[in-house]
Full PDB file with SEQRES, HELIX, SHEET, SSBOND, CRYST1, ORIGX, SCALE, CONECT and MASTER records, all heavy atoms in Angstrom:
SEQRES   1 A   34  TYR PRO ASP GLY ASP PHE GLY TYR SER PRO ARG ASN TYR          
SEQRES   2 A   34  GLY GLY GLY PHE SER GLY ALA VAL SER ILE ARG GLN ALA          
SEQRES   3 A   34  LEU ALA VAL SER LEU ASN ILE PRO                              
HELIX    1 AA1 ILE A   23  ALA A   28  1                                   6    
CRYST1    1.000    1.000    1.000  90.00  90.00  90.00 P 1           1          
ORIGX1      1.000000  0.000000  0.000000        0.00000                         
ORIGX2      0.000000  1.000000  0.000000        0.00000                         
ORIGX3      0.000000  0.000000  1.000000        0.00000                         
SCALE1      1.000000  0.000000  0.000000        0.00000                         
SCALE2      0.000000  1.000000  0.000000        0.00000                         
SCALE3      0.000000  0.000000  1.000000        0.00000                         
ATOM      1  N   TYR A   1      -2.870  -2.652 -10.632  1.00  0.00           N  
ATOM      2  CA  TYR A   1      -2.008  -3.014 -11.826  1.00  0.00           C  
ATOM      3  C   TYR A   1      -2.543  -4.120 -12.601  1.00  0.00           C  
ATOM      4  O   TYR A   1      -3.092  -5.039 -11.933  1.00  0.00           O  
ATOM      5  CB  TYR A   1      -0.651  -3.316 -11.217  1.00  0.00           C  
ATOM      6  CG  TYR A   1       0.004  -2.085 -10.435  1.00  0.00           C  
ATOM      7  CD1 TYR A   1      -0.012  -2.164  -8.991  1.00  0.00           C  
ATOM      8  CD2 TYR A   1       0.609  -1.065 -11.077  1.00  0.00           C  
ATOM      9  CE1 TYR A   1       0.474  -1.038  -8.243  1.00  0.00           C  
ATOM     10  CE2 TYR A   1       1.178  -0.002 -10.326  1.00  0.00           C  
ATOM     11  CZ  TYR A   1       1.098   0.019  -8.985  1.00  0.00           C  
ATOM     12  OH  TYR A   1       1.663   1.114  -8.274  1.00  0.00           O  
ATOM     13  N   PRO A   2      -2.273  -4.021 -13.917  1.00  0.00           N  
ATOM     14  CA  PRO A   2      -2.707  -5.120 -14.743  1.00  0.00           C  
ATOM     15  C   PRO A   2      -1.947  -6.411 -14.343  1.00  0.00           C  
ATOM     16  O   PRO A   2      -0.720  -6.388 -14.269  1.00  0.00           O  
ATOM     17  CB  PRO A   2      -2.306  -4.633 -16.163  1.00  0.00           C  
ATOM     18  CG  PRO A   2      -2.156  -3.141 -16.045  1.00  0.00           C  
ATOM     19  CD  PRO A   2      -1.733  -2.988 -14.686  1.00  0.00           C  
ATOM     20  N   ASP A   3      -2.659  -7.420 -14.091  1.00  0.00           N  
ATOM     21  CA  ASP A   3      -2.130  -8.675 -13.698  1.00  0.00           C  
ATOM     22  C   ASP A   3      -3.104  -9.750 -13.694  1.00  0.00           C  
ATOM     23  O   ASP A   3      -4.094  -9.839 -12.733  1.00  0.00           O  
ATOM     24  CB  ASP A   3      -1.403  -8.544 -12.297  1.00  0.00           C  
ATOM     25  CG  ASP A   3      -0.780  -9.875 -11.879  1.00  0.00           C  
ATOM     26  OD1 ASP A   3       0.046 -10.297 -12.773  1.00  0.00           O  
ATOM     27  OD2 ASP A   3      -0.811 -10.372 -10.671  1.00  0.00           O  
ATOM     28  N   GLY A   4      -3.065 -10.616 -14.728  1.00  0.00           N  
ATOM     29  CA  GLY A   4      -4.141 -11.774 -14.824  1.00  0.00           C  
ATOM     30  C   GLY A   4      -5.453 -11.152 -15.187  1.00  0.00           C  
ATOM     31  O   GLY A   4      -5.458 -10.065 -15.906  1.00  0.00           O  
ATOM     32  N   ASP A   5      -6.530 -11.869 -14.889  1.00  0.00           N  
ATOM     33  CA  ASP A   5      -7.837 -11.522 -15.286  1.00  0.00           C  
ATOM     34  C   ASP A   5      -8.379 -10.297 -14.484  1.00  0.00           C  
ATOM     35  O   ASP A   5      -9.220  -9.479 -14.893  1.00  0.00           O  
ATOM     36  CB  ASP A   5      -8.797 -12.589 -15.124  1.00  0.00           C  
ATOM     37  CG  ASP A   5      -8.389 -13.778 -16.168  1.00  0.00           C  
ATOM     38  OD1 ASP A   5      -7.761 -13.443 -17.286  1.00  0.00           O  
ATOM     39  OD2 ASP A   5      -8.647 -14.905 -15.812  1.00  0.00           O  
ATOM     40  N   PHE A   6      -7.823 -10.173 -13.139  1.00  0.00           N  
ATOM     41  CA  PHE A   6      -8.497  -9.252 -12.275  1.00  0.00           C  
ATOM     42  C   PHE A   6      -7.662  -8.052 -11.802  1.00  0.00           C  
ATOM     43  O   PHE A   6      -8.054  -7.229 -11.111  1.00  0.00           O  
ATOM     44  CB  PHE A   6      -9.212 -10.015 -10.985  1.00  0.00           C  
ATOM     45  CG  PHE A   6     -10.002 -11.060 -11.381  1.00  0.00           C  
ATOM     46  CD1 PHE A   6      -9.723 -12.392 -11.438  1.00  0.00           C  
ATOM     47  CD2 PHE A   6     -11.466 -10.904 -11.712  1.00  0.00           C  
ATOM     48  CE1 PHE A   6     -10.476 -13.445 -11.710  1.00  0.00           C  
ATOM     49  CE2 PHE A   6     -12.300 -11.789 -12.098  1.00  0.00           C  
ATOM     50  CZ  PHE A   6     -11.806 -13.174 -12.042  1.00  0.00           C  
ATOM     51  N   GLY A   7      -6.300  -8.218 -12.233  1.00  0.00           N  
ATOM     52  CA  GLY A   7      -5.439  -7.109 -11.827  1.00  0.00           C  
ATOM     53  C   GLY A   7      -4.870  -7.363 -10.451  1.00  0.00           C  
ATOM     54  O   GLY A   7      -5.318  -8.257  -9.710  1.00  0.00           O  
ATOM     55  N   TYR A   8      -3.986  -6.593 -10.016  1.00  0.00           N  
ATOM     56  CA  TYR A   8      -3.413  -6.666  -8.632  1.00  0.00           C  
ATOM     57  C   TYR A   8      -3.557  -5.365  -7.931  1.00  0.00           C  
ATOM     58  O   TYR A   8      -3.157  -4.357  -8.341  1.00  0.00           O  
ATOM     59  CB  TYR A   8      -1.958  -7.163  -8.770  1.00  0.00           C  
ATOM     60  CG  TYR A   8      -1.094  -7.127  -7.372  1.00  0.00           C  
ATOM     61  CD1 TYR A   8      -1.486  -7.942  -6.319  1.00  0.00           C  
ATOM     62  CD2 TYR A   8      -0.150  -6.076  -7.181  1.00  0.00           C  
ATOM     63  CE1 TYR A   8      -0.860  -7.955  -5.172  1.00  0.00           C  
ATOM     64  CE2 TYR A   8       0.503  -6.022  -5.921  1.00  0.00           C  
ATOM     65  CZ  TYR A   8       0.207  -6.960  -4.975  1.00  0.00           C  
ATOM     66  OH  TYR A   8       0.766  -6.839  -3.711  1.00  0.00           O  
ATOM     67  N   SER A   9      -4.148  -5.387  -6.749  1.00  0.00           N  
ATOM     68  CA  SER A   9      -4.392  -4.269  -5.919  1.00  0.00           C  
ATOM     69  C   SER A   9      -3.710  -4.513  -4.641  1.00  0.00           C  
ATOM     70  O   SER A   9      -4.234  -5.331  -3.713  1.00  0.00           O  
ATOM     71  CB  SER A   9      -5.929  -3.994  -5.774  1.00  0.00           C  
ATOM     72  OG  SER A   9      -6.578  -3.829  -6.976  1.00  0.00           O  
ATOM     73  N   PRO A  10      -2.614  -3.870  -4.305  1.00  0.00           N  
ATOM     74  CA  PRO A  10      -1.927  -4.165  -3.052  1.00  0.00           C  
ATOM     75  C   PRO A  10      -2.744  -3.618  -1.833  1.00  0.00           C  
ATOM     76  O   PRO A  10      -3.349  -2.591  -1.985  1.00  0.00           O  
ATOM     77  CB  PRO A  10      -0.589  -3.467  -3.159  1.00  0.00           C  
ATOM     78  CG  PRO A  10      -0.713  -2.405  -4.287  1.00  0.00           C  
ATOM     79  CD  PRO A  10      -1.889  -3.058  -5.082  1.00  0.00           C  
ATOM     80  N   ARG A  11      -2.669  -4.276  -0.730  1.00  0.00           N  
ATOM     81  CA  ARG A  11      -3.339  -3.813   0.434  1.00  0.00           C  
ATOM     82  C   ARG A  11      -2.309  -3.693   1.583  1.00  0.00           C  
ATOM     83  O   ARG A  11      -1.331  -4.361   1.632  1.00  0.00           O  
ATOM     84  CB  ARG A  11      -4.319  -4.903   0.915  1.00  0.00           C  
ATOM     85  CG  ARG A  11      -5.508  -5.165  -0.006  1.00  0.00           C  
ATOM     86  CD  ARG A  11      -6.234  -6.222   0.370  1.00  0.00           C  
ATOM     87  NE  ARG A  11      -7.638  -6.243  -0.270  1.00  0.00           N  
ATOM     88  CZ  ARG A  11      -8.694  -5.656   0.226  1.00  0.00           C  
ATOM     89  NH1 ARG A  11      -8.687  -4.967   1.326  1.00  0.00           N  
ATOM     90  NH2 ARG A  11      -9.852  -5.714  -0.496  1.00  0.00           N  
ATOM     91  N   ASN A  12      -2.619  -2.766   2.540  1.00  0.00           N  
ATOM     92  CA  ASN A  12      -1.884  -2.566   3.752  1.00  0.00           C  
ATOM     93  C   ASN A  12      -2.105  -3.647   4.769  1.00  0.00           C  
ATOM     94  O   ASN A  12      -3.333  -4.188   4.727  1.00  0.00           O  
ATOM     95  CB  ASN A  12      -1.931  -1.202   4.302  1.00  0.00           C  
ATOM     96  CG  ASN A  12      -1.446  -0.181   3.369  1.00  0.00           C  
ATOM     97  OD1 ASN A  12      -0.296  -0.369   2.944  1.00  0.00           O  
ATOM     98  ND2 ASN A  12      -2.145   0.893   3.327  1.00  0.00           N  
ATOM     99  N   TYR A  13      -1.274  -3.982   5.644  1.00  0.00           N  
ATOM    100  CA  TYR A  13      -1.499  -4.961   6.730  1.00  0.00           C  
ATOM    101  C   TYR A  13      -2.670  -4.321   7.690  1.00  0.00           C  
ATOM    102  O   TYR A  13      -2.466  -3.191   8.139  1.00  0.00           O  
ATOM    103  CB  TYR A  13      -0.240  -5.281   7.503  1.00  0.00           C  
ATOM    104  CG  TYR A  13      -0.412  -6.282   8.665  1.00  0.00           C  
ATOM    105  CD1 TYR A  13      -0.377  -7.654   8.223  1.00  0.00           C  
ATOM    106  CD2 TYR A  13      -0.689  -5.986   9.911  1.00  0.00           C  
ATOM    107  CE1 TYR A  13      -0.462  -8.693   9.247  1.00  0.00           C  
ATOM    108  CE2 TYR A  13      -0.836  -6.920  10.896  1.00  0.00           C  
ATOM    109  CZ  TYR A  13      -0.707  -8.238  10.577  1.00  0.00           C  
ATOM    110  OH  TYR A  13      -0.880  -9.228  11.599  1.00  0.00           O  
ATOM    111  N   GLY A  14      -3.694  -4.983   7.765  1.00  0.00           N  
ATOM    112  CA  GLY A  14      -4.798  -4.360   8.575  1.00  0.00           C  
ATOM    113  C   GLY A  14      -5.770  -3.536   7.766  1.00  0.00           C  
ATOM    114  O   GLY A  14      -6.811  -3.103   8.258  1.00  0.00           O  
ATOM    115  N   GLY A  15      -5.478  -3.357   6.435  1.00  0.00           N  
ATOM    116  CA  GLY A  15      -6.378  -2.536   5.616  1.00  0.00           C  
ATOM    117  C   GLY A  15      -6.243  -1.068   5.822  1.00  0.00           C  
ATOM    118  O   GLY A  15      -5.419  -0.627   6.628  1.00  0.00           O  
ATOM    119  N   GLY A  16      -7.040  -0.293   5.128  1.00  0.00           N  
ATOM    120  CA  GLY A  16      -7.104   1.195   5.139  1.00  0.00           C  
ATOM    121  C   GLY A  16      -6.026   1.828   4.326  1.00  0.00           C  
ATOM    122  O   GLY A  16      -5.152   1.273   3.892  1.00  0.00           O  
ATOM    123  N   PHE A  17      -6.036   3.259   4.383  1.00  0.00           N  
ATOM    124  CA  PHE A  17      -5.083   3.979   3.553  1.00  0.00           C  
ATOM    125  C   PHE A  17      -4.766   5.269   4.386  1.00  0.00           C  
ATOM    126  O   PHE A  17      -5.556   5.755   5.167  1.00  0.00           O  
ATOM    127  CB  PHE A  17      -5.675   4.417   2.256  1.00  0.00           C  
ATOM    128  CG  PHE A  17      -6.301   3.270   1.421  1.00  0.00           C  
ATOM    129  CD1 PHE A  17      -7.579   2.937   1.518  1.00  0.00           C  
ATOM    130  CD2 PHE A  17      -5.452   2.564   0.690  1.00  0.00           C  
ATOM    131  CE1 PHE A  17      -8.107   1.835   0.656  1.00  0.00           C  
ATOM    132  CE2 PHE A  17      -5.934   1.488  -0.200  1.00  0.00           C  
ATOM    133  CZ  PHE A  17      -7.219   1.144  -0.111  1.00  0.00           C  
ATOM    134  N   SER A  18      -3.433   5.636   4.216  1.00  0.00           N  
ATOM    135  CA  SER A  18      -3.048   6.904   5.073  1.00  0.00           C  
ATOM    136  C   SER A  18      -2.909   8.120   4.264  1.00  0.00           C  
ATOM    137  O   SER A  18      -2.585   9.192   4.718  1.00  0.00           O  
ATOM    138  CB  SER A  18      -1.723   6.563   5.640  1.00  0.00           C  
ATOM    139  OG  SER A  18      -1.721   5.457   6.406  1.00  0.00           O  
ATOM    140  N   GLY A  19      -3.201   8.044   2.852  1.00  0.00           N  
ATOM    141  CA  GLY A  19      -2.993   9.278   2.065  1.00  0.00           C  
ATOM    142  C   GLY A  19      -1.671   9.608   1.772  1.00  0.00           C  
ATOM    143  O   GLY A  19      -0.661   8.807   1.695  1.00  0.00           O  
ATOM    144  N   ALA A  20      -1.243  11.006   1.926  1.00  0.00           N  
ATOM    145  CA  ALA A  20       0.075  11.460   1.719  1.00  0.00           C  
ATOM    146  C   ALA A  20       0.836  11.279   2.948  1.00  0.00           C  
ATOM    147  O   ALA A  20       0.459  11.674   4.196  1.00  0.00           O  
ATOM    148  CB  ALA A  20      -0.004  12.893   1.534  1.00  0.00           C  
ATOM    149  N   VAL A  21       2.026  10.464   2.823  1.00  0.00           N  
ATOM    150  CA  VAL A  21       2.859  10.107   4.006  1.00  0.00           C  
ATOM    151  C   VAL A  21       4.241  10.447   3.588  1.00  0.00           C  
ATOM    152  O   VAL A  21       4.695  10.172   2.394  1.00  0.00           O  
ATOM    153  CB  VAL A  21       2.625   8.817   4.603  1.00  0.00           C  
ATOM    154  CG1 VAL A  21       1.214   8.660   5.271  1.00  0.00           C  
ATOM    155  CG2 VAL A  21       2.910   7.756   3.473  1.00  0.00           C  
ATOM    156  N   SER A  22       5.160  10.548   4.504  1.00  0.00           N  
ATOM    157  CA  SER A  22       6.575  10.663   4.209  1.00  0.00           C  
ATOM    158  C   SER A  22       7.086   9.152   4.074  1.00  0.00           C  
ATOM    159  O   SER A  22       6.562   8.295   4.628  1.00  0.00           O  
ATOM    160  CB  SER A  22       7.410  11.465   5.194  1.00  0.00           C  
ATOM    161  OG  SER A  22       7.416  10.573   6.520  1.00  0.00           O  
ATOM    162  N   ILE A  23       8.225   9.166   3.298  1.00  0.00           N  
ATOM    163  CA  ILE A  23       8.796   7.721   3.330  1.00  0.00           C  
ATOM    164  C   ILE A  23       9.189   7.215   4.522  1.00  0.00           C  
ATOM    165  O   ILE A  23       9.102   5.970   4.878  1.00  0.00           O  
ATOM    166  CB  ILE A  23      10.030   7.740   2.272  1.00  0.00           C  
ATOM    167  CG1 ILE A  23       9.546   7.855   0.797  1.00  0.00           C  
ATOM    168  CG2 ILE A  23      10.923   6.518   2.418  1.00  0.00           C  
ATOM    169  CD1 ILE A  23      10.578   7.848  -0.256  1.00  0.00           C  
ATOM    170  N   ARG A  24       9.690   8.130   5.487  1.00  0.00           N  
ATOM    171  CA  ARG A  24      10.195   7.767   6.744  1.00  0.00           C  
ATOM    172  C   ARG A  24       8.956   7.083   7.514  1.00  0.00           C  
ATOM    173  O   ARG A  24       9.166   6.019   8.170  1.00  0.00           O  
ATOM    174  CB  ARG A  24      10.732   8.990   7.453  1.00  0.00           C  
ATOM    175  CG  ARG A  24      11.257   8.673   8.820  1.00  0.00           C  
ATOM    176  CD  ARG A  24      11.705   9.936   9.559  1.00  0.00           C  
ATOM    177  NE  ARG A  24      12.669  10.759   8.736  1.00  0.00           N  
ATOM    178  CZ  ARG A  24      13.910  10.549   8.653  1.00  0.00           C  
ATOM    179  NH1 ARG A  24      14.566   9.618   9.321  1.00  0.00           N  
ATOM    180  NH2 ARG A  24      14.761  11.354   7.990  1.00  0.00           N  
ATOM    181  N   GLN A  25       7.792   7.726   7.407  1.00  0.00           N  
ATOM    182  CA  GLN A  25       6.674   7.220   8.198  1.00  0.00           C  
ATOM    183  C   GLN A  25       6.259   5.852   7.480  1.00  0.00           C  
ATOM    184  O   GLN A  25       5.705   4.871   8.209  1.00  0.00           O  
ATOM    185  CB  GLN A  25       5.555   8.303   8.151  1.00  0.00           C  
ATOM    186  CG  GLN A  25       4.241   7.891   8.798  1.00  0.00           C  
ATOM    187  CD  GLN A  25       4.409   7.520  10.247  1.00  0.00           C  
ATOM    188  OE1 GLN A  25       5.450   7.789  10.876  1.00  0.00           O  
ATOM    189  NE2 GLN A  25       3.443   6.991  10.918  1.00  0.00           N  
ATOM    190  N   ALA A  26       6.124   5.920   6.126  1.00  0.00           N  
ATOM    191  CA  ALA A  26       5.642   4.710   5.431  1.00  0.00           C  
ATOM    192  C   ALA A  26       6.545   3.483   5.832  1.00  0.00           C  
ATOM    193  O   ALA A  26       6.002   2.400   5.913  1.00  0.00           O  
ATOM    194  CB  ALA A  26       5.610   4.911   3.897  1.00  0.00           C  
ATOM    195  N   LEU A  27       7.887   3.588   5.889  1.00  0.00           N  
ATOM    196  CA  LEU A  27       8.833   2.663   6.380  1.00  0.00           C  
ATOM    197  C   LEU A  27       8.632   2.198   7.731  1.00  0.00           C  
ATOM    198  O   LEU A  27       8.592   1.042   8.032  1.00  0.00           O  
ATOM    199  CB  LEU A  27      10.202   3.020   6.037  1.00  0.00           C  
ATOM    200  CG  LEU A  27      11.343   1.963   6.028  1.00  0.00           C  
ATOM    201  CD1 LEU A  27      10.929   0.824   5.235  1.00  0.00           C  
ATOM    202  CD2 LEU A  27      12.528   2.603   5.510  1.00  0.00           C  
ATOM    203  N   ALA A  28       8.514   3.209   8.597  1.00  0.00           N  
ATOM    204  CA  ALA A  28       8.253   2.933  10.074  1.00  0.00           C  
ATOM    205  C   ALA A  28       7.157   2.129  10.246  1.00  0.00           C  
ATOM    206  O   ALA A  28       7.180   1.170  11.246  1.00  0.00           O  
ATOM    207  CB  ALA A  28       8.193   4.310  10.866  1.00  0.00           C  
ATOM    208  N   VAL A  29       5.899   2.363   9.732  1.00  0.00           N  
ATOM    209  CA  VAL A  29       4.712   1.592   9.991  1.00  0.00           C  
ATOM    210  C   VAL A  29       4.498   0.451   9.009  1.00  0.00           C  
ATOM    211  O   VAL A  29       3.463  -0.116   9.007  1.00  0.00           O  
ATOM    212  CB  VAL A  29       3.472   2.535  10.208  1.00  0.00           C  
ATOM    213  CG1 VAL A  29       3.730   3.494  11.326  1.00  0.00           C  
ATOM    214  CG2 VAL A  29       3.229   3.188   8.845  1.00  0.00           C  
ATOM    215  N   SER A  30       5.497   0.295   8.189  1.00  0.00           N  
ATOM    216  CA  SER A  30       5.447  -0.737   7.097  1.00  0.00           C  
ATOM    217  C   SER A  30       4.256  -0.718   6.169  1.00  0.00           C  
ATOM    218  O   SER A  30       3.457  -1.777   6.001  1.00  0.00           O  
ATOM    219  CB  SER A  30       5.525  -2.068   7.879  1.00  0.00           C  
ATOM    220  OG  SER A  30       5.958  -3.168   6.879  1.00  0.00           O  
ATOM    221  N   LEU A  31       3.872   0.393   5.501  1.00  0.00           N  
ATOM    222  CA  LEU A  31       2.825   0.498   4.587  1.00  0.00           C  
ATOM    223  C   LEU A  31       3.246  -0.211   3.372  1.00  0.00           C  
ATOM    224  O   LEU A  31       4.337  -0.075   2.840  1.00  0.00           O  
ATOM    225  CB  LEU A  31       2.489   1.970   4.362  1.00  0.00           C  
ATOM    226  CG  LEU A  31       2.026   2.915   5.421  1.00  0.00           C  
ATOM    227  CD1 LEU A  31       1.785   4.219   5.061  1.00  0.00           C  
ATOM    228  CD2 LEU A  31       0.674   2.236   5.931  1.00  0.00           C  
ATOM    229  N   ASN A  32       2.329  -0.991   2.796  1.00  0.00           N  
ATOM    230  CA  ASN A  32       2.652  -1.777   1.660  1.00  0.00           C  
ATOM    231  C   ASN A  32       2.466  -1.061   0.285  1.00  0.00           C  
ATOM    232  O   ASN A  32       3.407  -1.203  -0.658  1.00  0.00           O  
ATOM    233  CB  ASN A  32       1.585  -3.025   1.463  1.00  0.00           C  
ATOM    234  CG  ASN A  32       2.042  -4.025   2.666  1.00  0.00           C  
ATOM    235  OD1 ASN A  32       3.197  -4.084   3.041  1.00  0.00           O  
ATOM    236  ND2 ASN A  32       1.126  -4.909   2.977  1.00  0.00           N  
ATOM    237  N   ILE A  33       1.525  -0.206   0.180  1.00  0.00           N  
ATOM    238  CA  ILE A  33       1.164   0.491  -1.165  1.00  0.00           C  
ATOM    239  C   ILE A  33       2.157   1.344  -1.590  1.00  0.00           C  
ATOM    240  O   ILE A  33       2.658   1.295  -2.719  1.00  0.00           O  
ATOM    241  CB  ILE A  33      -0.281   1.129  -1.012  1.00  0.00           C  
ATOM    242  CG1 ILE A  33      -1.310   0.041  -0.840  1.00  0.00           C  
ATOM    243  CG2 ILE A  33      -0.522   1.920  -2.456  1.00  0.00           C  
ATOM    244  CD1 ILE A  33      -2.681   0.585  -0.586  1.00  0.00           C  
ATOM    245  N   PRO A  34       2.808   2.222  -0.752  1.00  0.00           N  
ATOM    246  CA  PRO A  34       3.913   3.135  -1.115  1.00  0.00           C  
ATOM    247  C   PRO A  34       5.044   2.344  -1.710  1.00  0.00           C  
ATOM    248  O   PRO A  34       5.748   2.725  -2.636  1.00  0.00           O  
ATOM    249  CB  PRO A  34       4.233   3.909   0.008  1.00  0.00           C  
ATOM    250  CG  PRO A  34       2.895   3.885   0.847  1.00  0.00           C  
ATOM    251  CD  PRO A  34       2.462   2.521   0.666  1.00  0.00           C  
TER     252      PRO A  34                                                      
MASTER        0    0    0    1    0    0    0    6  251    1    0    3          
END                                                                             
């Protein structure tokens, strides 16, 4: 997202991406990006 000079890119705790997930799963494992 535009934010300052370099923008803001949210990261998940521990890194990585899960692709398509349900909100229930995203909340259960506390994904940041969704």
